[in-house]
Full PDB file with SEQRES, HELIX, SHEET, SSBOND, CRYST1, ORIGX, SCALE, CONECT and MASTER records, all heavy atoms in Angstrom:
SEQRES   1 A   43  GLY CYS PHE CYS LEU LEU CYS TRP ASP MET ARG ALA GLY          
SEQRES   2 A   43  PRO LEU CYS THR LYS ARG GLY CYS VAL THR LEU THR LEU          
SEQRES   3 A   43  GLN VAL ALA GLN VAL VAL LEU PHE SER VAL PRO MET VAL          
SEQRES   4 A   43  MET ASN SER TYR                                              
HELIX    1 AA1 CYS A    2  MET A   10  1                                   9    
HELIX    2 AA2 LYS A   18  MET A   40  1                                  23    
CRYST1    1.000    1.000    1.000  90.00  90.00  90.00 P 1           1          
ORIGX1      1.000000  0.000000  0.000000        0.00000                         
ORIGX2      0.000000  1.000000  0.000000        0.00000                         
ORIGX3      0.000000  0.000000  1.000000        0.00000                         
SCALE1      1.000000  0.000000  0.000000        0.00000                         
SCALE2      0.000000  1.000000  0.000000        0.00000                         
SCALE3      0.000000  0.000000  1.000000        0.00000                         
ATOM      1  N   GLY A   1       0.822  -1.158  -0.018  1.00  0.00           N  
ATOM      2  CA  GLY A   1       0.053   0.013  -0.032  1.00  0.00           C  
ATOM      3  C   GLY A   1       0.864   1.222  -0.006  1.00  0.00           C  
ATOM      4  O   GLY A   1       0.560   2.206  -0.765  1.00  0.00           O  
ATOM      5  N   CYS A   2       1.895   1.308   0.730  1.00  0.00           N  
ATOM      6  CA  CYS A   2       2.834   2.424   0.836  1.00  0.00           C  
ATOM      7  C   CYS A   2       3.466   2.604  -0.493  1.00  0.00           C  
ATOM      8  O   CYS A   2       3.612   3.784  -1.013  1.00  0.00           O  
ATOM      9  CB  CYS A   2       3.921   2.224   1.933  1.00  0.00           C  
ATOM     10  SG  CYS A   2       3.266   2.357   3.579  1.00  0.00           S  
ATOM     11  N   PHE A   3       3.872   1.492  -1.118  1.00  0.00           N  
ATOM     12  CA  PHE A   3       4.471   1.525  -2.546  1.00  0.00           C  
ATOM     13  C   PHE A   3       3.523   2.110  -3.462  1.00  0.00           C  
ATOM     14  O   PHE A   3       3.936   2.967  -4.247  1.00  0.00           O  
ATOM     15  CB  PHE A   3       4.921   0.102  -2.869  1.00  0.00           C  
ATOM     16  CG  PHE A   3       5.344   0.017  -4.257  1.00  0.00           C  
ATOM     17  CD1 PHE A   3       6.537   0.385  -4.697  1.00  0.00           C  
ATOM     18  CD2 PHE A   3       4.478  -0.587  -5.176  1.00  0.00           C  
ATOM     19  CE1 PHE A   3       6.915   0.291  -6.059  1.00  0.00           C  
ATOM     20  CE2 PHE A   3       4.822  -0.727  -6.500  1.00  0.00           C  
ATOM     21  CZ  PHE A   3       6.003  -0.271  -6.989  1.00  0.00           C  
ATOM     22  N   CYS A   4       2.324   1.634  -3.495  1.00  0.00           N  
ATOM     23  CA  CYS A   4       1.367   2.076  -4.503  1.00  0.00           C  
ATOM     24  C   CYS A   4       1.041   3.603  -4.324  1.00  0.00           C  
ATOM     25  O   CYS A   4       0.891   4.328  -5.355  1.00  0.00           O  
ATOM     26  CB  CYS A   4       0.024   1.277  -4.398  1.00  0.00           C  
ATOM     27  SG  CYS A   4       0.256  -0.408  -4.954  1.00  0.00           S  
ATOM     28  N   LEU A   5       0.825   3.988  -3.069  1.00  0.00           N  
ATOM     29  CA  LEU A   5       0.478   5.442  -2.771  1.00  0.00           C  
ATOM     30  C   LEU A   5       1.692   6.270  -3.241  1.00  0.00           C  
ATOM     31  O   LEU A   5       1.504   7.484  -3.682  1.00  0.00           O  
ATOM     32  CB  LEU A   5       0.193   5.609  -1.330  1.00  0.00           C  
ATOM     33  CG  LEU A   5      -1.232   4.986  -0.901  1.00  0.00           C  
ATOM     34  CD1 LEU A   5      -1.341   5.032   0.623  1.00  0.00           C  
ATOM     35  CD2 LEU A   5      -2.314   5.718  -1.634  1.00  0.00           C  
ATOM     36  N   LEU A   6       2.935   5.816  -2.921  1.00  0.00           N  
ATOM     37  CA  LEU A   6       4.164   6.629  -3.301  1.00  0.00           C  
ATOM     38  C   LEU A   6       4.211   6.646  -4.860  1.00  0.00           C  
ATOM     39  O   LEU A   6       4.533   7.728  -5.349  1.00  0.00           O  
ATOM     40  CB  LEU A   6       5.407   5.963  -2.812  1.00  0.00           C  
ATOM     41  CG  LEU A   6       5.664   6.266  -1.198  1.00  0.00           C  
ATOM     42  CD1 LEU A   6       6.858   5.579  -0.811  1.00  0.00           C  
ATOM     43  CD2 LEU A   6       5.777   7.759  -0.983  1.00  0.00           C  
ATOM     44  N   CYS A   7       3.951   5.626  -5.545  1.00  0.00           N  
ATOM     45  CA  CYS A   7       3.990   5.576  -6.943  1.00  0.00           C  
ATOM     46  C   CYS A   7       2.923   6.578  -7.553  1.00  0.00           C  
ATOM     47  O   CYS A   7       3.229   7.243  -8.595  1.00  0.00           O  
ATOM     48  CB  CYS A   7       3.688   4.147  -7.488  1.00  0.00           C  
ATOM     49  SG  CYS A   7       5.074   3.033  -7.265  1.00  0.00           S  
ATOM     50  N   TRP A   8       1.798   6.558  -6.878  1.00  0.00           N  
ATOM     51  CA  TRP A   8       0.788   7.488  -7.347  1.00  0.00           C  
ATOM     52  C   TRP A   8       1.147   8.961  -7.167  1.00  0.00           C  
ATOM     53  O   TRP A   8       0.837   9.804  -8.091  1.00  0.00           O  
ATOM     54  CB  TRP A   8      -0.574   7.187  -6.522  1.00  0.00           C  
ATOM     55  CG  TRP A   8      -1.787   8.123  -6.920  1.00  0.00           C  
ATOM     56  CD1 TRP A   8      -2.089   9.244  -6.356  1.00  0.00           C  
ATOM     57  CD2 TRP A   8      -2.567   8.003  -8.036  1.00  0.00           C  
ATOM     58  NE1 TRP A   8      -3.149   9.826  -6.970  1.00  0.00           N  
ATOM     59  CE2 TRP A   8      -3.483   8.955  -7.970  1.00  0.00           C  
ATOM     60  CE3 TRP A   8      -2.645   6.983  -9.107  1.00  0.00           C  
ATOM     61  CZ2 TRP A   8      -4.555   9.102  -9.000  1.00  0.00           C  
ATOM     62  CZ3 TRP A   8      -3.685   7.175 -10.077  1.00  0.00           C  
ATOM     63  CH2 TRP A   8      -4.575   8.182  -9.907  1.00  0.00           C  
ATOM     64  N   ASP A   9       1.820   9.280  -6.075  1.00  0.00           N  
ATOM     65  CA  ASP A   9       2.245  10.541  -5.866  1.00  0.00           C  
ATOM     66  C   ASP A   9       3.452  10.911  -6.727  1.00  0.00           C  
ATOM     67  O   ASP A   9       3.712  12.145  -7.023  1.00  0.00           O  
ATOM     68  CB  ASP A   9       2.760  10.759  -4.400  1.00  0.00           C  
ATOM     69  CG  ASP A   9       1.570  10.816  -3.470  1.00  0.00           C  
ATOM     70  OD1 ASP A   9       0.457  11.042  -3.879  1.00  0.00           O  
ATOM     71  OD2 ASP A   9       1.710  10.565  -2.207  1.00  0.00           O  
ATOM     72  N   MET A  10       4.226   9.912  -7.151  1.00  0.00           N  
ATOM     73  CA  MET A  10       5.445  10.098  -7.991  1.00  0.00           C  
ATOM     74  C   MET A  10       5.136  10.230  -9.483  1.00  0.00           C  
ATOM     75  O   MET A  10       6.038  10.550 -10.293  1.00  0.00           O  
ATOM     76  CB  MET A  10       6.488   9.115  -7.683  1.00  0.00           C  
ATOM     77  CG  MET A  10       7.126   9.141  -6.339  1.00  0.00           C  
ATOM     78  SD  MET A  10       8.159   7.642  -6.018  1.00  0.00           S  
ATOM     79  CE  MET A  10       9.285   7.661  -7.437  1.00  0.00           C  
ATOM     80  N   ARG A  11       3.910   9.869  -9.893  1.00  0.00           N  
ATOM     81  CA  ARG A  11       3.692   9.728 -11.259  1.00  0.00           C  
ATOM     82  C   ARG A  11       3.868  11.090 -12.055  1.00  0.00           C  
ATOM     83  O   ARG A  11       4.149  10.954 -13.192  1.00  0.00           O  
ATOM     84  CB  ARG A  11       2.218   9.316 -11.499  1.00  0.00           C  
ATOM     85  CG  ARG A  11       1.103  10.365 -11.249  1.00  0.00           C  
ATOM     86  CD  ARG A  11      -0.233   9.726 -11.120  1.00  0.00           C  
ATOM     87  NE  ARG A  11      -1.282  10.654 -11.079  1.00  0.00           N  
ATOM     88  CZ  ARG A  11      -1.646  11.328  -9.903  1.00  0.00           C  
ATOM     89  NH1 ARG A  11      -0.980  11.061  -8.875  1.00  0.00           N  
ATOM     90  NH2 ARG A  11      -2.561  12.306  -9.934  1.00  0.00           N  
ATOM     91  N   ALA A  12       3.795  12.138 -11.387  1.00  0.00           N  
ATOM     92  CA  ALA A  12       4.012  13.399 -11.957  1.00  0.00           C  
ATOM     93  C   ALA A  12       4.510  14.345 -10.841  1.00  0.00           C  
ATOM     94  O   ALA A  12       3.941  14.519  -9.825  1.00  0.00           O  
ATOM     95  CB  ALA A  12       2.792  14.024 -12.623  1.00  0.00           C  
ATOM     96  N   GLY A  13       5.662  14.848 -11.065  1.00  0.00           N  
ATOM     97  CA  GLY A  13       6.310  15.856 -10.144  1.00  0.00           C  
ATOM     98  C   GLY A  13       7.635  15.631  -9.877  1.00  0.00           C  
ATOM     99  O   GLY A  13       8.345  14.763 -10.499  1.00  0.00           O  
ATOM    100  N   PRO A  14       8.338  16.257  -8.935  1.00  0.00           N  
ATOM    101  CA  PRO A  14       9.711  16.251  -8.693  1.00  0.00           C  
ATOM    102  C   PRO A  14      10.165  14.821  -8.126  1.00  0.00           C  
ATOM    103  O   PRO A  14      11.376  14.527  -8.225  1.00  0.00           O  
ATOM    104  CB  PRO A  14      10.015  17.222  -7.652  1.00  0.00           C  
ATOM    105  CG  PRO A  14       8.659  17.544  -6.922  1.00  0.00           C  
ATOM    106  CD  PRO A  14       7.663  17.273  -8.066  1.00  0.00           C  
ATOM    107  N   LEU A  15       9.248  14.117  -7.564  1.00  0.00           N  
ATOM    108  CA  LEU A  15       9.658  12.813  -7.025  1.00  0.00           C  
ATOM    109  C   LEU A  15       9.900  11.732  -8.145  1.00  0.00           C  
ATOM    110  O   LEU A  15      10.279  10.589  -7.806  1.00  0.00           O  
ATOM    111  CB  LEU A  15       8.662  12.340  -5.963  1.00  0.00           C  
ATOM    112  CG  LEU A  15       8.573  13.154  -4.757  1.00  0.00           C  
ATOM    113  CD1 LEU A  15       7.457  12.725  -3.826  1.00  0.00           C  
ATOM    114  CD2 LEU A  15       9.883  13.183  -3.990  1.00  0.00           C  
ATOM    115  N   CYS A  16       9.288  11.975  -9.301  1.00  0.00           N  
ATOM    116  CA  CYS A  16       9.192  10.977 -10.415  1.00  0.00           C  
ATOM    117  C   CYS A  16      10.710  11.049 -11.041  1.00  0.00           C  
ATOM    118  O   CYS A  16      10.871  11.620 -12.142  1.00  0.00           O  
ATOM    119  CB  CYS A  16       8.155  11.358 -11.421  1.00  0.00           C  
ATOM    120  SG  CYS A  16       7.916  10.054 -12.705  1.00  0.00           S  
ATOM    121  N   THR A  17      11.541  10.455 -10.493  1.00  0.00           N  
ATOM    122  CA  THR A  17      12.891  10.294 -11.028  1.00  0.00           C  
ATOM    123  C   THR A  17      13.268   8.797 -11.117  1.00  0.00           C  
ATOM    124  O   THR A  17      12.623   7.929 -10.640  1.00  0.00           O  
ATOM    125  CB  THR A  17      13.968  10.837  -9.999  1.00  0.00           C  
ATOM    126  OG1 THR A  17      13.970  10.257  -8.833  1.00  0.00           O  
ATOM    127  CG2 THR A  17      13.560  12.379  -9.718  1.00  0.00           C  
ATOM    128  N   LYS A  18      14.339   8.579 -12.065  1.00  0.00           N  
ATOM    129  CA  LYS A  18      14.758   7.202 -12.331  1.00  0.00           C  
ATOM    130  C   LYS A  18      15.276   6.592 -10.956  1.00  0.00           C  
ATOM    131  O   LYS A  18      14.980   5.489 -10.721  1.00  0.00           O  
ATOM    132  CB  LYS A  18      15.863   7.283 -13.334  1.00  0.00           C  
ATOM    133  CG  LYS A  18      16.332   5.847 -13.678  1.00  0.00           C  
ATOM    134  CD  LYS A  18      17.356   6.004 -14.801  1.00  0.00           C  
ATOM    135  CE  LYS A  18      17.849   4.537 -15.129  1.00  0.00           C  
ATOM    136  NZ  LYS A  18      18.957   4.589 -16.218  1.00  0.00           N  
ATOM    137  N   ARG A  19      15.879   7.349 -10.232  1.00  0.00           N  
ATOM    138  CA  ARG A  19      16.538   6.863  -9.002  1.00  0.00           C  
ATOM    139  C   ARG A  19      15.320   6.374  -7.960  1.00  0.00           C  
ATOM    140  O   ARG A  19      15.443   5.302  -7.423  1.00  0.00           O  
ATOM    141  CB  ARG A  19      17.320   7.920  -8.305  1.00  0.00           C  
ATOM    142  CG  ARG A  19      17.957   7.471  -6.981  1.00  0.00           C  
ATOM    143  CD  ARG A  19      18.708   8.587  -6.245  1.00  0.00           C  
ATOM    144  NE  ARG A  19      19.288   8.246  -5.009  1.00  0.00           N  
ATOM    145  CZ  ARG A  19      20.367   7.559  -4.851  1.00  0.00           C  
ATOM    146  NH1 ARG A  19      21.085   7.309  -5.976  1.00  0.00           N  
ATOM    147  NH2 ARG A  19      20.887   7.163  -3.710  1.00  0.00           N  
ATOM    148  N   GLY A  20      14.365   7.259  -7.901  1.00  0.00           N  
ATOM    149  CA  GLY A  20      13.200   6.908  -7.024  1.00  0.00           C  
ATOM    150  C   GLY A  20      12.504   5.652  -7.540  1.00  0.00           C  
ATOM    151  O   GLY A  20      12.063   4.835  -6.658  1.00  0.00           O  
ATOM    152  N   CYS A  21      12.285   5.525  -8.782  1.00  0.00           N  
ATOM    153  CA  CYS A  21      11.570   4.344  -9.395  1.00  0.00           C  
ATOM    154  C   CYS A  21      12.346   3.126  -9.090  1.00  0.00           C  
ATOM    155  O   CYS A  21      11.820   2.075  -8.802  1.00  0.00           O  
ATOM    156  CB  CYS A  21      11.322   4.624 -10.880  1.00  0.00           C  
ATOM    157  SG  CYS A  21      10.142   5.945 -11.233  1.00  0.00           S  
ATOM    158  N   VAL A  22      13.721   3.185  -9.287  1.00  0.00           N  
ATOM    159  CA  VAL A  22      14.518   2.038  -9.070  1.00  0.00           C  
ATOM    160  C   VAL A  22      14.561   1.553  -7.686  1.00  0.00           C  
ATOM    161  O   VAL A  22      14.419   0.394  -7.388  1.00  0.00           O  
ATOM    162  CB  VAL A  22      15.977   2.339  -9.594  1.00  0.00           C  
ATOM    163  CG1 VAL A  22      16.961   1.151  -9.163  1.00  0.00           C  
ATOM    164  CG2 VAL A  22      16.044   2.574 -11.134  1.00  0.00           C  
ATOM    165  N   THR A  23      14.591   2.593  -6.770  1.00  0.00           N  
ATOM    166  CA  THR A  23      14.516   2.239  -5.412  1.00  0.00           C  
ATOM    167  C   THR A  23      13.198   1.578  -4.904  1.00  0.00           C  
ATOM    168  O   THR A  23      13.276   0.523  -4.270  1.00  0.00           O  
ATOM    169  CB  THR A  23      14.753   3.536  -4.469  1.00  0.00           C  
ATOM    170  OG1 THR A  23      15.965   4.162  -4.784  1.00  0.00           O  
ATOM    171  CG2 THR A  23      14.724   3.171  -2.985  1.00  0.00           C  
ATOM    172  N   LEU A  24      12.137   2.072  -5.391  1.00  0.00           N  
ATOM    173  CA  LEU A  24      10.807   1.499  -5.132  1.00  0.00           C  
ATOM    174  C   LEU A  24      10.678   0.125  -5.665  1.00  0.00           C  
ATOM    175  O   LEU A  24      10.114  -0.856  -5.003  1.00  0.00           O  
ATOM    176  CB  LEU A  24       9.675   2.385  -5.467  1.00  0.00           C  
ATOM    177  CG  LEU A  24       9.491   3.652  -4.788  1.00  0.00           C  
ATOM    178  CD1 LEU A  24       8.395   4.511  -5.381  1.00  0.00           C  
ATOM    179  CD2 LEU A  24       9.044   3.387  -3.285  1.00  0.00           C  
ATOM    180  N   THR A  25      11.188  -0.119  -6.840  1.00  0.00           N  
ATOM    181  CA  THR A  25      11.156  -1.410  -7.546  1.00  0.00           C  
ATOM    182  C   THR A  25      12.047  -2.429  -6.781  1.00  0.00           C  
ATOM    183  O   THR A  25      11.537  -3.577  -6.531  1.00  0.00           O  
ATOM    184  CB  THR A  25      11.737  -1.299  -8.959  1.00  0.00           C  
ATOM    185  OG1 THR A  25      10.937  -0.375  -9.712  1.00  0.00           O  
ATOM    186  CG2 THR A  25      11.569  -2.628  -9.634  1.00  0.00           C  
ATOM    187  N   LEU A  26      13.126  -2.056  -6.349  1.00  0.00           N  
ATOM    188  CA  LEU A  26      13.981  -2.881  -5.440  1.00  0.00           C  
ATOM    189  C   LEU A  26      13.356  -3.276  -4.163  1.00  0.00           C  
ATOM    190  O   LEU A  26      13.438  -4.372  -3.721  1.00  0.00           O  
ATOM    191  CB  LEU A  26      15.393  -2.280  -5.216  1.00  0.00           C  
ATOM    192  CG  LEU A  26      16.310  -2.218  -6.391  1.00  0.00           C  
ATOM    193  CD1 LEU A  26      17.608  -1.366  -6.076  1.00  0.00           C  
ATOM    194  CD2 LEU A  26      16.715  -3.699  -6.868  1.00  0.00           C  
ATOM    195  N   GLN A  27      12.646  -2.223  -3.587  1.00  0.00           N  
ATOM    196  CA  GLN A  27      11.914  -2.554  -2.396  1.00  0.00           C  
ATOM    197  C   GLN A  27      10.888  -3.621  -2.535  1.00  0.00           C  
ATOM    198  O   GLN A  27      10.740  -4.548  -1.666  1.00  0.00           O  
ATOM    199  CB  GLN A  27      11.276  -1.316  -1.867  1.00  0.00           C  
ATOM    200  CG  GLN A  27      12.279  -0.270  -1.193  1.00  0.00           C  
ATOM    201  CD  GLN A  27      11.609   0.980  -0.691  1.00  0.00           C  
ATOM    202  OE1 GLN A  27      10.454   1.194  -0.946  1.00  0.00           O  
ATOM    203  NE2 GLN A  27      12.440   1.855  -0.087  1.00  0.00           N  
ATOM    204  N   VAL A  28      10.103  -3.504  -3.693  1.00  0.00           N  
ATOM    205  CA  VAL A  28       9.055  -4.511  -3.899  1.00  0.00           C  
ATOM    206  C   VAL A  28       9.716  -5.850  -4.073  1.00  0.00           C  
ATOM    207  O   VAL A  28       9.184  -6.946  -3.667  1.00  0.00           O  
ATOM    208  CB  VAL A  28       8.275  -4.080  -5.088  1.00  0.00           C  
ATOM    209  CG1 VAL A  28       7.270  -5.193  -5.533  1.00  0.00           C  
ATOM    210  CG2 VAL A  28       7.427  -2.851  -4.836  1.00  0.00           C  
ATOM    211  N   ALA A  29      10.810  -5.896  -4.958  1.00  0.00           N  
ATOM    212  CA  ALA A  29      11.510  -7.191  -5.175  1.00  0.00           C  
ATOM    213  C   ALA A  29      11.924  -7.783  -3.876  1.00  0.00           C  
ATOM    214  O   ALA A  29      11.848  -9.027  -3.617  1.00  0.00           O  
ATOM    215  CB  ALA A  29      12.701  -6.990  -6.096  1.00  0.00           C  
ATOM    216  N   GLN A  30      12.417  -6.957  -3.028  1.00  0.00           N  
ATOM    217  CA  GLN A  30      12.965  -7.441  -1.725  1.00  0.00           C  
ATOM    218  C   GLN A  30      11.979  -8.097  -0.790  1.00  0.00           C  
ATOM    219  O   GLN A  30      12.000  -9.165  -0.229  1.00  0.00           O  
ATOM    220  CB  GLN A  30      13.744  -6.287  -0.932  1.00  0.00           C  
ATOM    221  CG  GLN A  30      14.374  -6.732   0.422  1.00  0.00           C  
ATOM    222  CD  GLN A  30      13.459  -6.635   1.624  1.00  0.00           C  
ATOM    223  OE1 GLN A  30      12.666  -5.599   1.732  1.00  0.00           O  
ATOM    224  NE2 GLN A  30      13.583  -7.550   2.529  1.00  0.00           N  
ATOM    225  N   VAL A  31      10.730  -7.348  -0.838  1.00  0.00           N  
ATOM    226  CA  VAL A  31       9.608  -7.844   0.114  1.00  0.00           C  
ATOM    227  C   VAL A  31       9.075  -9.176  -0.505  1.00  0.00           C  
ATOM    228  O   VAL A  31       8.793 -10.086   0.267  1.00  0.00           O  
ATOM    229  CB  VAL A  31       8.437  -6.761   0.058  1.00  0.00           C  
ATOM    230  CG1 VAL A  31       7.211  -7.327   0.643  1.00  0.00           C  
ATOM    231  CG2 VAL A  31       8.965  -5.455   0.787  1.00  0.00           C  
ATOM    232  N   VAL A  32       9.005  -9.158  -1.875  1.00  0.00           N  
ATOM    233  CA  VAL A  32       8.482 -10.515  -2.476  1.00  0.00           C  
ATOM    234  C   VAL A  32       9.513 -11.661  -2.138  1.00  0.00           C  
ATOM    235  O   VAL A  32       9.005 -12.721  -1.704  1.00  0.00           O  
ATOM    236  CB  VAL A  32       8.346 -10.325  -3.920  1.00  0.00           C  
ATOM    237  CG1 VAL A  32       8.001 -11.705  -4.585  1.00  0.00           C  
ATOM    238  CG2 VAL A  32       7.254  -9.398  -4.275  1.00  0.00           C  
ATOM    239  N   LEU A  33      10.721 -11.435  -2.339  1.00  0.00           N  
ATOM    240  CA  LEU A  33      11.691 -12.514  -2.075  1.00  0.00           C  
ATOM    241  C   LEU A  33      11.786 -12.800  -0.603  1.00  0.00           C  
ATOM    242  O   LEU A  33      12.085 -13.982  -0.156  1.00  0.00           O  
ATOM    243  CB  LEU A  33      13.086 -12.016  -2.536  1.00  0.00           C  
ATOM    244  CG  LEU A  33      13.288 -11.869  -4.055  1.00  0.00           C  
ATOM    245  CD1 LEU A  33      14.702 -11.308  -4.388  1.00  0.00           C  
ATOM    246  CD2 LEU A  33      13.165 -13.316  -4.832  1.00  0.00           C  
ATOM    247  N   PHE A  34      11.392 -11.900   0.281  1.00  0.00           N  
ATOM    248  CA  PHE A  34      11.503 -12.164   1.769  1.00  0.00           C  
ATOM    249  C   PHE A  34      10.271 -12.817   2.187  1.00  0.00           C  
ATOM    250  O   PHE A  34      10.305 -13.719   3.042  1.00  0.00           O  
ATOM    251  CB  PHE A  34      11.637 -10.745   2.378  1.00  0.00           C  
ATOM    252  CG  PHE A  34      11.830 -10.853   3.808  1.00  0.00           C  
ATOM    253  CD1 PHE A  34      13.132 -10.956   4.402  1.00  0.00           C  
ATOM    254  CD2 PHE A  34      10.759 -10.736   4.714  1.00  0.00           C  
ATOM    255  CE1 PHE A  34      13.355 -10.921   5.745  1.00  0.00           C  
ATOM    256  CE2 PHE A  34      10.952 -10.783   6.119  1.00  0.00           C  
ATOM    257  CZ  PHE A  34      12.284 -10.927   6.635  1.00  0.00           C  
ATOM    258  N   SER A  35       9.095 -12.467   1.720  1.00  0.00           N  
ATOM    259  CA  SER A  35       7.726 -12.980   2.168  1.00  0.00           C  
ATOM    260  C   SER A  35       7.459 -14.354   1.627  1.00  0.00           C  
ATOM    261  O   SER A  35       6.915 -15.167   2.372  1.00  0.00           O  
ATOM    262  CB  SER A  35       6.685 -11.950   1.868  1.00  0.00           C  
ATOM    263  OG  SER A  35       6.963 -10.749   2.389  1.00  0.00           O  
ATOM    264  N   VAL A  36       7.697 -14.587   0.355  1.00  0.00           N  
ATOM    265  CA  VAL A  36       7.312 -15.903  -0.297  1.00  0.00           C  
ATOM    266  C   VAL A  36       7.860 -17.154   0.487  1.00  0.00           C  
ATOM    267  O   VAL A  36       7.095 -17.974   0.850  1.00  0.00           O  
ATOM    268  CB  VAL A  36       7.637 -15.937  -1.679  1.00  0.00           C  
ATOM    269  CG1 VAL A  36       7.439 -17.355  -2.300  1.00  0.00           C  
ATOM    270  CG2 VAL A  36       6.818 -14.918  -2.548  1.00  0.00           C  
ATOM    271  N   PRO A  37       9.214 -17.083   0.836  1.00  0.00           N  
ATOM    272  CA  PRO A  37       9.671 -18.252   1.565  1.00  0.00           C  
ATOM    273  C   PRO A  37       9.002 -18.458   2.952  1.00  0.00           C  
ATOM    274  O   PRO A  37       8.920 -19.599   3.425  1.00  0.00           O  
ATOM    275  CB  PRO A  37      11.161 -17.953   1.687  1.00  0.00           C  
ATOM    276  CG  PRO A  37      11.473 -17.119   0.607  1.00  0.00           C  
ATOM    277  CD  PRO A  37      10.253 -16.145   0.460  1.00  0.00           C  
ATOM    278  N   MET A  38       8.658 -17.330   3.659  1.00  0.00           N  
ATOM    279  CA  MET A  38       8.015 -17.436   4.921  1.00  0.00           C  
ATOM    280  C   MET A  38       6.646 -18.191   4.817  1.00  0.00           C  
ATOM    281  O   MET A  38       6.271 -19.010   5.588  1.00  0.00           O  
ATOM    282  CB  MET A  38       7.773 -15.994   5.506  1.00  0.00           C  
ATOM    283  CG  MET A  38       8.998 -15.339   5.902  1.00  0.00           C  
ATOM    284  SD  MET A  38       8.793 -13.773   6.837  1.00  0.00           S  
ATOM    285  CE  MET A  38       8.065 -14.383   8.394  1.00  0.00           C  
ATOM    286  N   VAL A  39       6.010 -17.951   3.695  1.00  0.00           N  
ATOM    287  CA  VAL A  39       4.681 -18.640   3.451  1.00  0.00           C  
ATOM    288  C   VAL A  39       4.985 -20.140   3.028  1.00  0.00           C  
ATOM    289  O   VAL A  39       4.295 -21.055   3.408  1.00  0.00           O  
ATOM    290  CB  VAL A  39       3.836 -17.898   2.316  1.00  0.00           C  
ATOM    291  CG1 VAL A  39       2.678 -18.713   1.940  1.00  0.00           C  
ATOM    292  CG2 VAL A  39       3.543 -16.513   2.816  1.00  0.00           C  
ATOM    293  N   MET A  40       6.036 -20.360   2.160  1.00  0.00           N  
ATOM    294  CA  MET A  40       6.364 -21.650   1.720  1.00  0.00           C  
ATOM    295  C   MET A  40       6.725 -22.594   2.834  1.00  0.00           C  
ATOM    296  O   MET A  40       6.509 -23.824   2.833  1.00  0.00           O  
ATOM    297  CB  MET A  40       7.528 -21.596   0.699  1.00  0.00           C  
ATOM    298  CG  MET A  40       7.167 -20.957  -0.639  1.00  0.00           C  
ATOM    299  SD  MET A  40       8.649 -20.580  -1.611  1.00  0.00           S  
ATOM    300  CE  MET A  40       9.331 -22.226  -1.888  1.00  0.00           C  
ATOM    301  N   ASN A  41       7.283 -21.992   3.902  1.00  0.00           N  
ATOM    302  CA  ASN A  41       7.673 -22.878   5.032  1.00  0.00           C  
ATOM    303  C   ASN A  41       6.734 -22.830   6.175  1.00  0.00           C  
ATOM    304  O   ASN A  41       6.962 -23.140   7.337  1.00  0.00           O  
ATOM    305  CB  ASN A  41       9.116 -22.358   5.624  1.00  0.00           C  
ATOM    306  CG  ASN A  41      10.150 -22.783   4.770  1.00  0.00           C  
ATOM    307  OD1 ASN A  41      10.228 -23.885   4.235  1.00  0.00           O  
ATOM    308  ND2 ASN A  41      11.218 -22.000   4.642  1.00  0.00           N  
ATOM    309  N   SER A  42       5.489 -22.424   5.903  1.00  0.00           N  
ATOM    310  CA  SER A  42       4.424 -22.305   6.924  1.00  0.00           C  
ATOM    311  C   SER A  42       3.432 -23.460   6.738  1.00  0.00           C  
ATOM    312  O   SER A  42       3.516 -24.297   5.880  1.00  0.00           O  
ATOM    313  CB  SER A  42       3.732 -20.935   6.777  1.00  0.00           C  
ATOM    314  OG  SER A  42       2.969 -21.024   5.683  1.00  0.00           O  
ATOM    315  N   TYR A  43       2.583 -23.529   7.703  1.00  0.00           N  
ATOM    316  CA  TYR A  43       1.509 -24.520   7.846  1.00  0.00           C  
ATOM    317  C   TYR A  43       0.344 -24.235   6.706  1.00  0.00           C  
ATOM    318  O   TYR A  43      -0.504 -24.986   6.627  1.00  0.00           O  
ATOM    319  CB  TYR A  43       0.889 -24.627   9.104  1.00  0.00           C  
ATOM    320  CG  TYR A  43       1.793 -25.289  10.221  1.00  0.00           C  
ATOM    321  CD1 TYR A  43       2.487 -24.420  11.091  1.00  0.00           C  
ATOM    322  CD2 TYR A  43       2.069 -26.593  10.188  1.00  0.00           C  
ATOM    323  CE1 TYR A  43       3.345 -24.895  12.013  1.00  0.00           C  
ATOM    324  CE2 TYR A  43       2.880 -27.123  11.122  1.00  0.00           C  
ATOM    325  CZ  TYR A  43       3.622 -26.295  12.096  1.00  0.00           C  
ATOM    326  OH  TYR A  43       4.469 -26.858  12.940  1.00  0.00           O  
TER     327      TYR A  43                                                      
MASTER        0    0    0    2    0    0    0    6  326    1    0    4          
END                                                                             
């Protein structure tokens, strides 16, 4: 939710930079790689 809201605010304006987009994309990748194994090893 935080990611989507930040992307919505960044779609136009000074925050919409390549650096910001790359950082947010890496954050999403990190969360997915981090969360999926926790579910895989759960009941």
